[in-house]
Structures are given as C-alpha cells and as structure tokens.
Protein backbone atom coordinates (compact mmCIF):
# COMPACT_ATOMS: atom_id res chain seq x y z
CA MET A 1 202.17 76.52 -8.40
CA ASP A 2 198.86 74.78 -7.87
CA LYS A 3 196.72 75.68 -4.84
CA SER A 4 195.82 72.03 -4.38
CA GLU A 5 199.37 71.11 -3.37
CA GLY A 6 199.80 70.56 0.46
CA GLY A 7 202.55 72.12 2.41
CA PHE A 8 203.50 75.01 4.62
CA THR A 9 204.44 78.49 3.64
CA LEU A 10 207.69 80.15 4.71
CA VAL A 11 205.91 82.29 7.19
CA GLU A 12 204.26 79.28 8.85
CA VAL A 13 207.55 77.45 9.08
CA LEU A 14 209.24 80.55 10.72
CA VAL A 15 206.45 81.05 13.30
CA SER A 16 206.51 77.39 14.30
CA VAL A 17 210.31 77.49 14.64
CA PHE A 18 210.06 80.71 16.77
CA VAL A 19 207.43 79.24 18.99
CA ALA A 20 209.38 75.93 19.34
CA SER A 21 212.58 77.87 20.35
CA ILE A 22 210.65 79.82 23.04
CA VAL A 23 209.22 76.46 24.52
CA ILE A 24 212.81 74.90 24.46
CA GLY A 25 214.32 77.96 26.14
CA VAL A 26 211.62 77.80 28.84
CA LEU A 27 212.11 74.15 29.38
CA ALA A 28 215.96 74.50 29.58
CA GLN A 29 215.68 77.30 32.21
CA SER A 30 213.32 75.09 34.26
CA TYR A 31 215.75 72.25 34.09
CA ILE A 32 218.70 74.49 35.16
CA TYR A 33 216.69 75.93 38.10
CA ALA A 34 215.62 72.52 39.26
CA THR A 35 219.17 71.08 39.13
CA ARG A 36 220.52 74.06 41.10
CA SER A 37 217.69 73.74 43.53
CA PHE A 38 218.41 70.13 44.07
CA GLU A 39 222.15 70.91 44.74
CA TRP A 40 221.18 73.55 47.24
CA ARG A 41 218.85 71.30 49.03
CA LYS A 42 221.48 68.42 49.11
CA LEU A 43 224.13 70.85 50.51
CA ARG A 44 221.62 71.99 53.25
CA SER A 45 220.83 68.34 54.17
CA VAL A 46 224.43 67.48 54.57
CA ALA A 47 224.96 70.68 56.67
CA ILE A 48 221.95 69.74 58.88
CA MET A 49 223.36 66.25 59.28
CA ILE A 50 226.88 67.46 60.21
CA ALA A 51 225.37 69.86 62.65
CA ASN A 52 223.33 67.04 64.29
CA VAL A 53 226.36 64.68 64.44
CA ASN A 54 228.40 67.45 66.16
CA LEU A 55 225.52 68.17 68.54
CA GLU A 56 225.17 64.63 69.63
CA ARG A 57 228.95 64.28 69.97
CA TYR A 58 229.42 67.40 72.16
CA LYS A 59 226.30 67.41 74.27
CA ARG A 60 227.48 64.40 76.37
CA ILE A 61 230.94 65.89 77.21
CA LYS A 62 231.18 66.58 80.97
CA ASN A 63 234.16 68.87 81.07
CA LEU A 64 234.23 71.20 78.05
CA LYS A 65 237.45 72.96 79.08
CA GLU A 66 239.37 69.68 78.88
CA ALA A 67 237.73 69.25 75.48
CA GLY A 68 239.41 72.44 74.24
CA PHE A 69 236.52 74.79 74.59
CA GLU A 70 237.12 78.44 75.51
CA CYS A 71 235.04 79.62 78.46
CA GLU A 72 233.81 83.21 78.49
CA ILE A 73 231.89 84.59 81.38
CA ASN A 74 229.87 87.90 81.23
CA ASP A 75 226.93 89.39 83.22
CA SER A 76 224.12 87.38 81.49
CA VAL A 77 225.60 84.20 80.28
CA THR A 78 228.57 81.78 80.40
CA LYS A 79 229.62 80.70 76.98
CA PHE A 80 231.80 77.89 75.82
CA GLN A 81 232.98 78.05 72.31
CA LYS A 82 235.06 75.86 69.92
CA SER A 83 235.60 75.99 66.25
CA LEU A 84 235.48 72.39 65.00
CA ILE A 85 235.65 71.66 61.28
CA ASN A 86 237.09 73.36 58.39
CA LYS A 87 237.84 71.99 55.04
CA GLY A 88 239.98 68.79 55.35
CA ASP A 89 239.01 67.83 58.80
CA LYS A 90 238.79 64.21 59.98
CA PHE A 91 235.02 64.22 59.75
CA ASN A 92 235.17 65.04 56.05
CA GLU A 93 238.05 62.64 55.40
CA ASP A 94 235.98 59.72 56.85
CA SER A 95 232.96 60.54 54.74
CA ASN A 96 232.18 60.62 51.03
CA LEU A 97 230.62 63.97 51.28
CA THR A 98 232.36 65.40 48.21
CA GLU A 99 229.96 68.38 47.95
CA ILE A 100 231.00 69.55 51.46
CA LYS A 101 234.73 68.75 50.79
CA ASN A 102 234.57 71.00 47.89
CA SER A 103 232.58 73.74 49.62
CA SER A 104 233.84 76.22 52.12
CA ILE A 105 232.47 75.29 55.53
CA ASN A 106 232.95 76.51 59.10
CA GLN A 107 231.61 74.70 62.10
CA LYS A 108 231.47 75.56 65.78
CA ILE A 109 229.96 74.33 68.98
CA VAL A 110 228.74 76.80 71.61
CA ALA A 111 227.49 75.80 74.95
CA TYR A 112 225.62 78.23 77.36
CA THR A 113 224.84 78.38 80.97
CA SER A 114 224.07 80.83 83.66
CA PRO A 115 227.02 82.91 85.10
CA SER A 116 226.48 81.57 88.50
CA LYS A 117 227.48 78.07 87.35
CA GLY A 118 230.86 79.41 86.05
CA CYS A 119 232.77 77.25 83.65
CA ASP A 120 232.01 73.98 85.27
CA ASN A 121 228.46 73.13 83.77
CA TYR A 122 226.51 73.98 80.74
CA VAL A 123 222.91 73.75 79.99
CA VAL A 124 222.33 74.36 76.22
CA VAL A 125 224.46 73.23 73.34
CA GLU A 126 224.24 74.84 69.82
CA SER A 127 225.92 73.40 66.71
CA VAL A 128 226.47 75.98 63.90
CA VAL A 129 227.41 75.06 60.34
CA GLU A 130 228.11 77.78 57.88
CA TYR A 131 228.65 77.05 54.22
CA LYS A 132 228.41 78.51 50.76
CA ASN A 133 225.85 76.77 48.53
CA HIS A 134 228.14 77.31 45.49
CA PRO A 135 231.91 77.75 45.41
CA ASN A 136 231.44 81.25 43.75
CA ALA A 137 228.64 82.34 45.98
CA THR A 138 228.98 85.43 48.10
CA ASN A 139 226.35 84.67 50.68
CA ILE A 140 226.83 82.29 53.43
CA GLU A 141 224.10 79.87 54.48
CA THR A 142 223.81 78.95 58.25
CA VAL A 143 222.35 75.87 59.86
CA LYS A 144 221.89 76.00 63.68
CA GLN A 145 220.74 72.93 65.78
CA VAL A 146 220.17 73.38 69.54
CA THR A 147 219.51 71.02 72.33
CA TYR A 148 219.91 70.59 76.08
CA ALA A 149 223.04 69.02 77.47
CA GLN A 150 222.88 65.67 79.06
C-alpha cells in the first residue's frame, strides 16, 4: 500500500466511533431528563391551578358545615376539613387535564379559626393537592395554597 493514499486507519475509525457513541449517549440522557423535567413541571402547574381554583371556590362559603365540612374543635384551633377531589371527580371531567386524570390525586380544603369562634366562622383557608408525578412513583408531591377567608 502506498503511503500517499489518503484515508483513515482502523484504529482512527474505532476511536471516532467510540467518541461519537459517548456524545450521542450524553445527548440522549439530557433529552430524557429534559422531557421528564418538563412533565413534572407541567403536573405541578396543574396541581397549583387546581389548588387555587378550590381556594377561590371555598373561601367565599359562609357556612362550611352546610357545605359538607367536618368541624373539629380542640384547645388551640377550630378546624374544618373536607376531602374534595379524587380521580374521576366533576372538576376533572369538565377539564382536559389528562395528565391529572391519569395521575393519582387527592385534594382537600381545610379552614381554621380560633376555638372561641366555634364552628360558625373561619379565618384561614388552605387548599391541599397531593399527587404522584409519575404513575409508578412512590413519593407524593404536595401543593398547599393558603388565603384569608372573605
């Protein structure tokens, strides 16, 4: 073989294929992470939106006992609590939030006041949304939104 012929040796080709495969692997991992991160952020945004909708809906109710809330009075606080939405609830049926429909979510509204006011008034309303950011996930993410009652 004449030395003046151009071309690559077998070693050069193998090294370049090895380097290219490492670069492609890193890019694939980055893409997968970015896609999962986007899905997690989208689910969190939907959970925050649902918590805010529930908060706005329930902070204006004057009589929580008539709205189905349980009232519990102890020494330091009066607490009203109601579990709102699980999979298949009307809120989910009315919306196109397929990522929440396919996810396991629990929602509740909790209202607090001082024990001296009893079960007639409440001051603070808290909306809690618990969800899994992946159907097979073991950890549960929680979103809490709090406001004063009107």
